[in-house]
Amino acid sequence: MIVERLVAIRTREKCSQDEFARRLGLNPRTYAGYERGERDPSLELLSALHREYKVDPAWLLNGPGDEPVYMDQRIDVGLVARAEDEIRKRLRKVALKLTRQELYDLITAAYQVLRQPNLDHEAEIDAFFADSDDQ
């Protein structure tokens, strides 16, 4: 699904893979690996797509519909990276193996919480992971 979505965004922008990669600030070979499905989308890719084209990272990972979803609101990439790191660390701690899609679903769910306005996001992450430590 992600591969098709990346291709859809790039073709909508009428770019070659190399040109699109350069616009995103990525190595063209690295970007080509994303389109071939050889690499999982990185936070750097999600951030660049949002920064350059306002693509909603949640849509790219697991959102509904085939057409790109755009958003104007700024994303705190550091906060999303922290949530992703915490998720990965805790999965390793309990030796839980998720499929790629299950991991995307989990990161998307965390992202959906983090993008809500008027929340103390740092406190939300701390509380979520404190609760999971107790179980």
N, C-alpha and C. Protein backbone atom coordinates (compact mmCIF):
# COMPACT_ATOMS: atom_id res chain seq x y z
N MET A 1 0.83 -1.19 0.00
CA MET A 1 0.00 0.00 0.00
C MET A 1 0.87 1.26 0.00
N ILE A 2 1.93 1.28 0.81
CA ILE A 2 2.79 2.47 0.89
C ILE A 2 3.49 2.72 -0.44
N VAL A 3 3.93 1.65 -1.07
CA VAL A 3 4.61 1.78 -2.36
C VAL A 3 3.69 2.50 -3.35
N GLU A 4 2.46 2.04 -3.45
CA GLU A 4 1.51 2.65 -4.39
C GLU A 4 1.25 4.11 -4.04
N ARG A 5 1.21 4.41 -2.77
CA ARG A 5 0.95 5.78 -2.34
C ARG A 5 2.12 6.70 -2.66
N LEU A 6 3.34 6.21 -2.48
CA LEU A 6 4.51 7.02 -2.84
C LEU A 6 4.52 7.30 -4.34
N VAL A 7 4.26 6.28 -5.14
CA VAL A 7 4.22 6.46 -6.58
C VAL A 7 3.12 7.45 -6.97
N ALA A 8 1.96 7.35 -6.32
CA ALA A 8 0.85 8.25 -6.63
C ALA A 8 1.21 9.71 -6.34
N ILE A 9 1.86 9.95 -5.22
CA ILE A 9 2.26 11.33 -4.88
C ILE A 9 3.29 11.84 -5.89
N ARG A 10 4.28 11.00 -6.18
CA ARG A 10 5.34 11.42 -7.11
C ARG A 10 4.79 11.69 -8.50
N THR A 11 3.92 10.82 -9.00
CA THR A 11 3.37 11.04 -10.35
C THR A 11 2.44 12.24 -10.37
N ARG A 12 1.74 12.47 -9.28
CA ARG A 12 0.88 13.66 -9.19
C ARG A 12 1.72 14.94 -9.30
N GLU A 13 2.94 14.88 -8.77
CA GLU A 13 3.86 16.01 -8.83
C GLU A 13 4.66 16.05 -10.13
N LYS A 14 4.43 15.03 -10.98
CA LYS A 14 5.10 14.95 -12.29
C LYS A 14 6.62 14.98 -12.17
N CYS A 15 7.14 14.13 -11.28
CA CYS A 15 8.58 14.07 -11.02
C CYS A 15 9.12 12.68 -11.35
N SER A 16 10.37 12.64 -11.76
CA SER A 16 11.08 11.36 -11.83
C SER A 16 11.44 10.96 -10.41
N GLN A 17 11.84 9.71 -10.24
CA GLN A 17 12.25 9.27 -8.90
C GLN A 17 13.41 10.11 -8.38
N ASP A 18 14.40 10.36 -9.24
CA ASP A 18 15.57 11.14 -8.82
C ASP A 18 15.19 12.56 -8.41
N GLU A 19 14.36 13.20 -9.23
CA GLU A 19 13.95 14.58 -8.92
C GLU A 19 13.16 14.63 -7.62
N PHE A 20 12.24 13.69 -7.45
CA PHE A 20 11.41 13.64 -6.25
C PHE A 20 12.29 13.43 -5.02
N ALA A 21 13.24 12.50 -5.11
CA ALA A 21 14.15 12.24 -4.00
C ALA A 21 14.92 13.49 -3.63
N ARG A 22 15.42 14.20 -4.63
CA ARG A 22 16.18 15.43 -4.34
C ARG A 22 15.29 16.48 -3.68
N ARG A 23 14.05 16.61 -4.14
CA ARG A 23 13.13 17.58 -3.51
C ARG A 23 12.89 17.24 -2.04
N LEU A 24 12.90 15.93 -1.75
CA LEU A 24 12.69 15.48 -0.37
C LEU A 24 13.97 15.50 0.45
N GLY A 25 15.09 15.76 -0.20
CA GLY A 25 16.37 15.77 0.51
C GLY A 25 16.88 14.37 0.79
N LEU A 26 16.48 13.41 -0.03
CA LEU A 26 16.88 12.02 0.15
C LEU A 26 17.80 11.57 -0.97
N ASN A 27 18.62 10.59 -0.68
CA ASN A 27 19.44 9.97 -1.69
C ASN A 27 18.51 9.26 -2.68
N PRO A 28 18.71 9.46 -3.99
CA PRO A 28 17.82 8.81 -4.96
C PRO A 28 17.78 7.29 -4.84
N ARG A 29 18.89 6.65 -4.51
CA ARG A 29 18.88 5.19 -4.35
C ARG A 29 18.05 4.78 -3.14
N THR A 30 18.14 5.57 -2.08
CA THR A 30 17.34 5.29 -0.88
C THR A 30 15.86 5.41 -1.21
N TYR A 31 15.50 6.50 -1.90
CA TYR A 31 14.09 6.68 -2.25
C TYR A 31 13.60 5.56 -3.16
N ALA A 32 14.41 5.17 -4.13
CA ALA A 32 14.02 4.08 -5.04
C ALA A 32 13.73 2.81 -4.25
N GLY A 33 14.49 2.57 -3.18
CA GLY A 33 14.24 1.42 -2.31
C GLY A 33 12.87 1.48 -1.65
N TYR A 34 12.42 2.69 -1.29
CA TYR A 34 11.07 2.84 -0.72
C TYR A 34 10.02 2.46 -1.76
N GLU A 35 10.19 2.94 -2.99
CA GLU A 35 9.20 2.65 -4.04
C GLU A 35 9.21 1.18 -4.45
N ARG A 36 10.32 0.51 -4.29
CA ARG A 36 10.37 -0.92 -4.62
C ARG A 36 9.91 -1.78 -3.44
N GLY A 37 9.63 -1.16 -2.30
CA GLY A 37 9.20 -1.91 -1.13
C GLY A 37 10.34 -2.62 -0.42
N GLU A 38 11.57 -2.22 -0.71
CA GLU A 38 12.74 -2.84 -0.09
C GLU A 38 13.09 -2.20 1.25
N ARG A 39 12.56 -1.02 1.50
CA ARG A 39 12.85 -0.28 2.73
C ARG A 39 11.54 0.12 3.39
N ASP A 40 11.51 0.05 4.71
CA ASP A 40 10.36 0.59 5.45
C ASP A 40 10.46 2.10 5.43
N PRO A 41 9.31 2.79 5.39
CA PRO A 41 9.37 4.25 5.39
C PRO A 41 9.98 4.76 6.69
N SER A 42 10.93 5.64 6.55
CA SER A 42 11.60 6.20 7.72
C SER A 42 10.89 7.46 8.18
N LEU A 43 11.22 7.87 9.39
CA LEU A 43 10.69 9.12 9.90
C LEU A 43 11.16 10.27 9.01
N GLU A 44 12.38 10.15 8.50
CA GLU A 44 12.91 11.18 7.58
C GLU A 44 12.04 11.30 6.34
N LEU A 45 11.61 10.17 5.76
CA LEU A 45 10.73 10.20 4.59
C LEU A 45 9.38 10.83 4.93
N LEU A 46 8.77 10.38 6.02
CA LEU A 46 7.46 10.91 6.42
C LEU A 46 7.54 12.41 6.66
N SER A 47 8.58 12.83 7.35
CA SER A 47 8.77 14.25 7.65
C SER A 47 8.97 15.05 6.37
N ALA A 48 9.79 14.55 5.45
CA ALA A 48 10.06 15.26 4.20
C ALA A 48 8.80 15.38 3.35
N LEU A 49 8.00 14.32 3.27
CA LEU A 49 6.75 14.38 2.50
C LEU A 49 5.79 15.39 3.10
N HIS A 50 5.75 15.46 4.42
CA HIS A 50 4.88 16.45 5.06
C HIS A 50 5.42 17.86 4.84
N ARG A 51 6.72 18.04 5.01
CA ARG A 51 7.34 19.36 4.87
C ARG A 51 7.19 19.89 3.44
N GLU A 52 7.47 19.06 2.45
CA GLU A 52 7.49 19.52 1.06
C GLU A 52 6.12 19.52 0.40
N TYR A 53 5.27 18.54 0.75
CA TYR A 53 4.00 18.38 0.05
C TYR A 53 2.78 18.37 0.96
N LYS A 54 2.99 18.51 2.27
CA LYS A 54 1.89 18.53 3.26
C LYS A 54 1.11 17.22 3.31
N VAL A 55 1.77 16.11 2.94
CA VAL A 55 1.12 14.80 2.99
C VAL A 55 0.99 14.36 4.44
N ASP A 56 -0.19 13.92 4.82
CA ASP A 56 -0.44 13.44 6.17
C ASP A 56 0.26 12.08 6.36
N PRO A 57 1.21 11.99 7.29
CA PRO A 57 1.92 10.72 7.50
C PRO A 57 1.00 9.56 7.87
N ALA A 58 -0.07 9.84 8.60
CA ALA A 58 -1.00 8.78 8.99
C ALA A 58 -1.68 8.19 7.75
N TRP A 59 -2.02 9.04 6.78
CA TRP A 59 -2.60 8.53 5.54
C TRP A 59 -1.58 7.66 4.81
N LEU A 60 -0.35 8.12 4.74
CA LEU A 60 0.67 7.37 4.00
C LEU A 60 0.85 5.98 4.61
N LEU A 61 0.90 5.89 5.91
CA LEU A 61 1.12 4.60 6.57
C LEU A 61 -0.09 3.69 6.51
N ASN A 62 -1.27 4.26 6.76
CA ASN A 62 -2.42 3.37 6.92
C ASN A 62 -3.76 4.07 6.78
N GLY A 63 -3.79 5.26 6.20
CA GLY A 63 -5.03 6.02 6.13
C GLY A 63 -6.01 5.49 5.11
N PRO A 64 -7.24 5.92 5.20
CA PRO A 64 -8.27 5.45 4.27
C PRO A 64 -8.15 6.13 2.91
N GLY A 65 -8.63 5.44 1.90
CA GLY A 65 -8.72 6.01 0.56
C GLY A 65 -7.42 5.91 -0.22
N ASP A 66 -7.56 6.11 -1.53
CA ASP A 66 -6.41 6.03 -2.42
C ASP A 66 -5.81 7.39 -2.73
N GLU A 67 -6.59 8.44 -2.55
CA GLU A 67 -6.10 9.78 -2.85
C GLU A 67 -5.32 10.33 -1.65
N PRO A 68 -4.19 11.01 -1.92
CA PRO A 68 -3.41 11.58 -0.81
C PRO A 68 -4.24 12.52 0.07
N VAL A 69 -3.97 12.46 1.36
CA VAL A 69 -4.60 13.35 2.33
C VAL A 69 -3.54 14.36 2.73
N TYR A 70 -3.90 15.63 2.67
CA TYR A 70 -2.97 16.70 2.98
C TYR A 70 -3.38 17.39 4.27
N MET A 71 -2.40 17.96 4.94
CA MET A 71 -2.70 18.68 6.18
C MET A 71 -1.75 19.87 6.29
N ASP A 72 -2.26 20.96 6.83
CA ASP A 72 -1.45 22.16 6.98
C ASP A 72 -0.80 22.27 8.35
N GLN A 73 -1.29 21.52 9.30
CA GLN A 73 -0.78 21.65 10.66
C GLN A 73 0.64 21.09 10.74
N ARG A 74 1.48 21.77 11.49
CA ARG A 74 2.87 21.37 11.67
C ARG A 74 2.96 20.11 12.52
N ILE A 75 3.90 19.25 12.21
CA ILE A 75 4.12 18.02 12.95
C ILE A 75 5.39 18.16 13.78
N ASP A 76 5.31 17.80 15.04
CA ASP A 76 6.50 17.78 15.89
C ASP A 76 7.20 16.45 15.65
N VAL A 77 8.14 16.46 14.73
CA VAL A 77 8.83 15.24 14.32
C VAL A 77 9.56 14.60 15.48
N GLY A 78 10.13 15.41 16.35
CA GLY A 78 10.84 14.87 17.50
C GLY A 78 9.92 14.07 18.41
N LEU A 79 8.72 14.56 18.58
CA LEU A 79 7.75 13.86 19.42
C LEU A 79 7.32 12.53 18.78
N VAL A 80 7.10 12.54 17.48
CA VAL A 80 6.74 11.31 16.78
C VAL A 80 7.91 10.32 16.85
N ALA A 81 9.13 10.82 16.68
CA ALA A 81 10.30 9.95 16.76
C ALA A 81 10.41 9.33 18.15
N ARG A 82 10.13 10.12 19.17
CA ARG A 82 10.19 9.60 20.54
C ARG A 82 9.16 8.49 20.73
N ALA A 83 7.94 8.71 20.23
CA ALA A 83 6.90 7.69 20.36
C ALA A 83 7.31 6.42 19.61
N GLU A 84 7.84 6.57 18.40
CA GLU A 84 8.28 5.40 17.63
C GLU A 84 9.40 4.66 18.36
N ASP A 85 10.36 5.40 18.89
CA ASP A 85 11.47 4.77 19.63
C ASP A 85 10.96 4.01 20.85
N GLU A 86 10.03 4.62 21.57
CA GLU A 86 9.46 3.96 22.75
C GLU A 86 8.72 2.69 22.36
N ILE A 87 7.96 2.75 21.28
CA ILE A 87 7.22 1.57 20.82
C ILE A 87 8.20 0.45 20.47
N ARG A 88 9.21 0.77 19.68
CA ARG A 88 10.19 -0.25 19.27
C ARG A 88 10.93 -0.82 20.48
N LYS A 89 11.32 0.05 21.42
CA LYS A 89 12.05 -0.40 22.61
C LYS A 89 11.19 -1.37 23.42
N ARG A 90 9.95 -1.03 23.61
CA ARG A 90 9.07 -1.88 24.41
C ARG A 90 8.72 -3.18 23.71
N LEU A 91 8.63 -3.16 22.39
CA LEU A 91 8.39 -4.40 21.66
C LEU A 91 9.59 -5.35 21.81
N ARG A 92 10.81 -4.79 21.74
CA ARG A 92 12.01 -5.61 21.94
C ARG A 92 12.05 -6.17 23.36
N LYS A 93 11.66 -5.34 24.33
CA LYS A 93 11.71 -5.73 25.74
C LYS A 93 10.85 -6.97 26.00
N VAL A 94 9.71 -7.04 25.37
CA VAL A 94 8.82 -8.18 25.58
C VAL A 94 8.96 -9.22 24.47
N ALA A 95 9.93 -9.00 23.59
CA ALA A 95 10.22 -9.92 22.48
C ALA A 95 8.98 -10.16 21.62
N LEU A 96 8.20 -9.13 21.44
CA LEU A 96 7.00 -9.23 20.63
C LEU A 96 7.35 -8.89 19.18
N LYS A 97 7.02 -9.78 18.29
CA LYS A 97 7.26 -9.56 16.87
C LYS A 97 5.94 -9.17 16.21
N LEU A 98 5.95 -8.03 15.57
CA LEU A 98 4.78 -7.57 14.84
C LEU A 98 5.07 -7.63 13.35
N THR A 99 4.02 -7.82 12.58
CA THR A 99 4.19 -7.70 11.14
C THR A 99 4.42 -6.24 10.82
N ARG A 100 4.91 -5.98 9.64
CA ARG A 100 5.14 -4.59 9.22
C ARG A 100 3.84 -3.80 9.33
N GLN A 101 2.72 -4.39 8.89
CA GLN A 101 1.44 -3.67 8.93
C GLN A 101 1.00 -3.42 10.36
N GLU A 102 1.19 -4.38 11.26
CA GLU A 102 0.83 -4.18 12.67
C GLU A 102 1.65 -3.05 13.28
N LEU A 103 2.94 -2.98 12.94
CA LEU A 103 3.77 -1.89 13.44
C LEU A 103 3.29 -0.55 12.90
N TYR A 104 2.97 -0.49 11.59
CA TYR A 104 2.44 0.75 11.01
C TYR A 104 1.15 1.16 11.71
N ASP A 105 0.29 0.18 11.98
CA ASP A 105 -0.98 0.47 12.66
C ASP A 105 -0.73 1.06 14.04
N LEU A 106 0.23 0.50 14.77
CA LEU A 106 0.54 0.99 16.11
C LEU A 106 1.14 2.40 16.07
N ILE A 107 2.07 2.64 15.15
CA ILE A 107 2.66 3.96 15.03
C ILE A 107 1.61 4.97 14.58
N THR A 108 0.72 4.56 13.68
CA THR A 108 -0.36 5.45 13.22
C THR A 108 -1.28 5.82 14.38
N ALA A 109 -1.62 4.85 15.22
CA ALA A 109 -2.47 5.12 16.37
C ALA A 109 -1.80 6.11 17.32
N ALA A 110 -0.51 5.91 17.58
CA ALA A 110 0.22 6.84 18.44
C ALA A 110 0.25 8.22 17.80
N TYR A 111 0.48 8.27 16.51
CA TYR A 111 0.52 9.55 15.80
C TYR A 111 -0.83 10.27 15.88
N GLN A 112 -1.93 9.52 15.74
CA GLN A 112 -3.26 10.13 15.81
C GLN A 112 -3.47 10.82 17.16
N VAL A 113 -2.99 10.21 18.22
CA VAL A 113 -3.10 10.83 19.55
C VAL A 113 -2.21 12.08 19.60
N LEU A 114 -1.00 11.95 19.09
CA LEU A 114 -0.04 13.06 19.17
C LEU A 114 -0.46 14.28 18.36
N ARG A 115 -1.25 14.09 17.32
CA ARG A 115 -1.61 15.23 16.48
C ARG A 115 -2.84 15.98 16.99
N GLN A 116 -3.43 15.51 18.08
CA GLN A 116 -4.57 16.21 18.65
C GLN A 116 -4.11 17.51 19.29
N PRO A 117 -4.78 18.60 18.97
CA PRO A 117 -4.39 19.87 19.58
C PRO A 117 -4.78 19.91 21.06
N ASN A 118 -4.15 20.81 21.77
CA ASN A 118 -4.48 21.10 23.17
C ASN A 118 -4.20 19.94 24.12
N LEU A 119 -3.30 19.06 23.74
CA LEU A 119 -2.89 18.00 24.65
C LEU A 119 -1.45 18.27 25.06
N ASP A 120 -1.12 17.87 26.26
CA ASP A 120 0.27 17.91 26.69
C ASP A 120 0.89 16.61 26.18
N HIS A 121 1.46 16.65 24.98
CA HIS A 121 1.92 15.45 24.31
C HIS A 121 3.00 14.71 25.09
N GLU A 122 3.91 15.44 25.69
CA GLU A 122 4.96 14.79 26.49
C GLU A 122 4.32 14.00 27.62
N ALA A 123 3.35 14.59 28.29
CA ALA A 123 2.67 13.92 29.40
C ALA A 123 1.87 12.71 28.89
N GLU A 124 1.26 12.84 27.71
CA GLU A 124 0.50 11.72 27.13
C GLU A 124 1.40 10.52 26.87
N ILE A 125 2.58 10.77 26.29
CA ILE A 125 3.52 9.68 26.02
C ILE A 125 3.98 9.07 27.33
N ASP A 126 4.36 9.91 28.28
CA ASP A 126 4.81 9.40 29.58
C ASP A 126 3.73 8.55 30.24
N ALA A 127 2.49 9.03 30.22
CA ALA A 127 1.39 8.30 30.86
C ALA A 127 1.11 6.98 30.14
N PHE A 128 1.11 7.01 28.81
CA PHE A 128 0.85 5.79 28.05
C PHE A 128 1.87 4.72 28.37
N PHE A 129 3.15 5.09 28.36
CA PHE A 129 4.18 4.10 28.59
C PHE A 129 4.31 3.74 30.05
N ALA A 130 3.94 4.63 30.95
CA ALA A 130 3.92 4.28 32.38
C ALA A 130 2.86 3.22 32.63
N ASP A 131 1.69 3.39 31.99
CA ASP A 131 0.61 2.39 32.13
C ASP A 131 1.05 1.05 31.59
N SER A 132 1.74 1.04 30.45
CA SER A 132 2.16 -0.23 29.85
C SER A 132 3.25 -0.90 30.67
N ASP A 133 4.04 -0.11 31.41
CA ASP A 133 5.08 -0.70 32.28
C ASP A 133 4.45 -1.44 33.45
N ASP A 134 3.28 -0.99 33.89
CA ASP A 134 2.63 -1.59 35.03
C ASP A 134 2.00 -2.95 34.71
N GLN A 135 1.82 -3.23 33.43
CA GLN A 135 1.12 -4.46 33.04
C GLN A 135 2.07 -5.62 32.84
